[in-house]
N, C-alpha and C. Protein backbone atom coordinates (compact mmCIF):
# COMPACT_ATOMS: atom_id res chain seq x y z
N MET A 1 -13.05 -18.13 -42.33
CA MET A 1 -12.17 -17.00 -42.47
C MET A 1 -11.05 -17.12 -41.43
N LYS A 2 -9.87 -16.78 -41.85
CA LYS A 2 -8.70 -16.94 -40.98
C LYS A 2 -8.20 -15.56 -40.52
N ASN A 3 -7.85 -15.46 -39.24
CA ASN A 3 -7.28 -14.22 -38.73
C ASN A 3 -5.82 -14.12 -39.16
N HIS A 4 -5.45 -12.94 -39.64
CA HIS A 4 -4.07 -12.72 -40.03
C HIS A 4 -3.26 -12.29 -38.81
N ASN A 5 -2.16 -12.98 -38.57
CA ASN A 5 -1.28 -12.65 -37.46
C ASN A 5 0.09 -12.33 -38.03
N PRO A 6 0.48 -11.04 -38.08
CA PRO A 6 1.75 -10.69 -38.72
C PRO A 6 2.98 -11.20 -37.97
N ALA A 7 2.82 -11.61 -36.72
CA ALA A 7 3.97 -12.11 -35.97
C ALA A 7 4.36 -13.51 -36.42
N GLY A 8 3.48 -14.19 -37.11
CA GLY A 8 3.80 -15.52 -37.60
C GLY A 8 3.57 -16.61 -36.58
N ARG A 9 3.10 -16.25 -35.39
CA ARG A 9 2.84 -17.25 -34.35
C ARG A 9 1.34 -17.45 -34.23
N ASN A 10 0.98 -18.46 -33.46
CA ASN A 10 -0.43 -18.67 -33.18
C ASN A 10 -0.94 -17.55 -32.27
N LEU A 11 -2.20 -17.25 -32.38
CA LEU A 11 -2.78 -16.24 -31.51
C LEU A 11 -2.77 -16.74 -30.07
N SER A 12 -2.42 -15.86 -29.15
CA SER A 12 -2.41 -16.25 -27.75
C SER A 12 -3.41 -15.37 -27.00
N PHE A 13 -4.05 -15.96 -26.04
CA PHE A 13 -5.04 -15.27 -25.26
C PHE A 13 -4.49 -15.00 -23.87
N ALA A 14 -5.24 -14.30 -23.05
CA ALA A 14 -4.79 -13.92 -21.72
C ALA A 14 -4.54 -15.15 -20.86
N SER A 15 -3.50 -15.04 -20.03
CA SER A 15 -3.20 -16.14 -19.11
C SER A 15 -4.15 -16.07 -17.93
N THR A 16 -4.09 -17.07 -17.09
CA THR A 16 -4.97 -17.14 -15.92
C THR A 16 -4.69 -15.98 -14.97
N GLY A 17 -3.43 -15.64 -14.79
CA GLY A 17 -3.07 -14.51 -13.93
C GLY A 17 -3.63 -13.19 -14.44
N GLN A 18 -3.55 -12.97 -15.74
CA GLN A 18 -4.08 -11.76 -16.34
C GLN A 18 -5.60 -11.71 -16.19
N ARG A 19 -6.24 -12.83 -16.37
CA ARG A 19 -7.70 -12.86 -16.22
C ARG A 19 -8.10 -12.59 -14.77
N LEU A 20 -7.29 -13.08 -13.82
CA LEU A 20 -7.57 -12.83 -12.41
C LEU A 20 -7.42 -11.35 -12.08
N VAL A 21 -6.38 -10.70 -12.61
CA VAL A 21 -6.17 -9.27 -12.38
C VAL A 21 -7.33 -8.47 -12.95
N VAL A 22 -7.77 -8.81 -14.14
CA VAL A 22 -8.90 -8.11 -14.76
C VAL A 22 -10.16 -8.29 -13.92
N THR A 23 -10.38 -9.47 -13.38
CA THR A 23 -11.55 -9.72 -12.54
C THR A 23 -11.49 -8.89 -11.27
N VAL A 24 -10.31 -8.81 -10.65
CA VAL A 24 -10.15 -8.01 -9.43
C VAL A 24 -10.41 -6.54 -9.72
N VAL A 25 -9.87 -6.03 -10.82
CA VAL A 25 -10.09 -4.63 -11.19
C VAL A 25 -11.58 -4.37 -11.44
N PHE A 26 -12.24 -5.29 -12.12
CA PHE A 26 -13.68 -5.15 -12.37
C PHE A 26 -14.46 -5.12 -11.06
N VAL A 27 -14.11 -5.99 -10.13
CA VAL A 27 -14.82 -6.03 -8.83
C VAL A 27 -14.59 -4.74 -8.05
N VAL A 28 -13.36 -4.21 -8.08
CA VAL A 28 -13.06 -2.96 -7.38
C VAL A 28 -13.88 -1.82 -7.97
N PHE A 29 -13.92 -1.71 -9.29
CA PHE A 29 -14.71 -0.66 -9.92
C PHE A 29 -16.19 -0.83 -9.62
N ALA A 30 -16.68 -2.06 -9.64
CA ALA A 30 -18.08 -2.30 -9.32
C ALA A 30 -18.38 -1.90 -7.88
N ALA A 31 -17.47 -2.18 -6.95
CA ALA A 31 -17.66 -1.80 -5.56
C ALA A 31 -17.66 -0.28 -5.40
N LEU A 32 -16.78 0.42 -6.11
CA LEU A 32 -16.76 1.88 -6.05
C LEU A 32 -18.04 2.48 -6.61
N ILE A 33 -18.53 1.92 -7.70
CA ILE A 33 -19.78 2.42 -8.28
C ILE A 33 -20.94 2.16 -7.33
N TRP A 34 -20.97 0.98 -6.72
CA TRP A 34 -22.03 0.67 -5.75
C TRP A 34 -21.96 1.62 -4.55
N ALA A 35 -20.75 1.88 -4.05
CA ALA A 35 -20.59 2.78 -2.91
C ALA A 35 -21.05 4.19 -3.26
N ALA A 36 -20.73 4.65 -4.45
CA ALA A 36 -21.17 5.97 -4.88
C ALA A 36 -22.69 6.01 -5.04
N TRP A 37 -23.25 4.95 -5.57
CA TRP A 37 -24.70 4.90 -5.81
C TRP A 37 -25.48 4.93 -4.49
N THR A 38 -24.98 4.25 -3.47
CA THR A 38 -25.69 4.17 -2.20
C THR A 38 -25.34 5.31 -1.26
N GLY A 39 -24.36 6.14 -1.58
CA GLY A 39 -23.97 7.24 -0.73
C GLY A 39 -22.92 6.88 0.29
N ARG A 40 -22.48 5.67 0.33
CA ARG A 40 -21.46 5.26 1.29
C ARG A 40 -20.08 5.82 0.95
N TYR A 41 -19.86 6.07 -0.31
CA TYR A 41 -18.56 6.57 -0.75
C TYR A 41 -18.24 7.90 -0.07
N ASP A 42 -19.22 8.81 -0.02
CA ASP A 42 -19.00 10.12 0.60
C ASP A 42 -18.69 9.98 2.08
N ARG A 43 -19.41 9.11 2.77
CA ARG A 43 -19.15 8.91 4.20
C ARG A 43 -17.76 8.35 4.42
N GLU A 44 -17.37 7.37 3.62
CA GLU A 44 -16.05 6.77 3.79
C GLU A 44 -14.94 7.77 3.47
N ILE A 45 -15.13 8.56 2.44
CA ILE A 45 -14.12 9.57 2.09
C ILE A 45 -14.02 10.62 3.19
N ASN A 46 -15.16 11.04 3.74
CA ASN A 46 -15.14 12.01 4.83
C ASN A 46 -14.45 11.45 6.07
N THR A 47 -14.69 10.18 6.37
CA THR A 47 -14.03 9.54 7.50
C THR A 47 -12.52 9.49 7.27
N PHE A 48 -12.12 9.11 6.08
CA PHE A 48 -10.70 9.04 5.75
C PHE A 48 -10.07 10.43 5.78
N ALA A 49 -10.77 11.44 5.26
CA ALA A 49 -10.24 12.80 5.24
C ALA A 49 -10.07 13.34 6.66
N SER A 50 -11.01 13.06 7.55
CA SER A 50 -10.87 13.54 8.92
C SER A 50 -9.72 12.82 9.64
N TRP A 51 -9.54 11.53 9.37
CA TRP A 51 -8.41 10.80 9.94
C TRP A 51 -7.09 11.38 9.44
N LEU A 52 -7.05 11.67 8.13
CA LEU A 52 -5.84 12.24 7.54
C LEU A 52 -5.55 13.62 8.13
N GLN A 53 -6.60 14.40 8.35
CA GLN A 53 -6.44 15.72 8.96
C GLN A 53 -5.88 15.61 10.38
N ARG A 54 -6.41 14.64 11.15
CA ARG A 54 -5.91 14.42 12.52
C ARG A 54 -4.44 14.01 12.50
N GLN A 55 -4.06 13.16 11.57
CA GLN A 55 -2.66 12.73 11.47
C GLN A 55 -1.75 13.91 11.11
N TYR A 56 -2.21 14.73 10.20
CA TYR A 56 -1.43 15.90 9.80
C TYR A 56 -1.26 16.86 10.98
N ASN A 57 -2.35 17.10 11.69
CA ASN A 57 -2.28 18.00 12.86
C ASN A 57 -1.36 17.43 13.93
N ALA A 58 -1.37 16.12 14.12
CA ALA A 58 -0.49 15.51 15.11
C ALA A 58 0.97 15.65 14.71
N ILE A 59 1.27 15.57 13.44
CA ILE A 59 2.65 15.69 12.96
C ILE A 59 3.12 17.13 13.06
N VAL A 60 2.26 18.07 12.69
CA VAL A 60 2.64 19.48 12.67
C VAL A 60 2.82 20.01 14.10
N HIS A 61 1.97 19.60 15.01
CA HIS A 61 2.05 20.11 16.38
C HIS A 61 2.94 19.21 17.14
């Protein structure tokens, strides 16, 4: 069976760069899921939020 391609060209697949970007995105999502599963995500977000609060207070005062 033949795939129909209305563009009239051969089918093209993802380039190496595109595959690398997809792999990086997959790894980032996997790391976020792992961090949420182990509870580290909340600690990291709280650390970042307190740092952001300190920066805001330093700018305002």
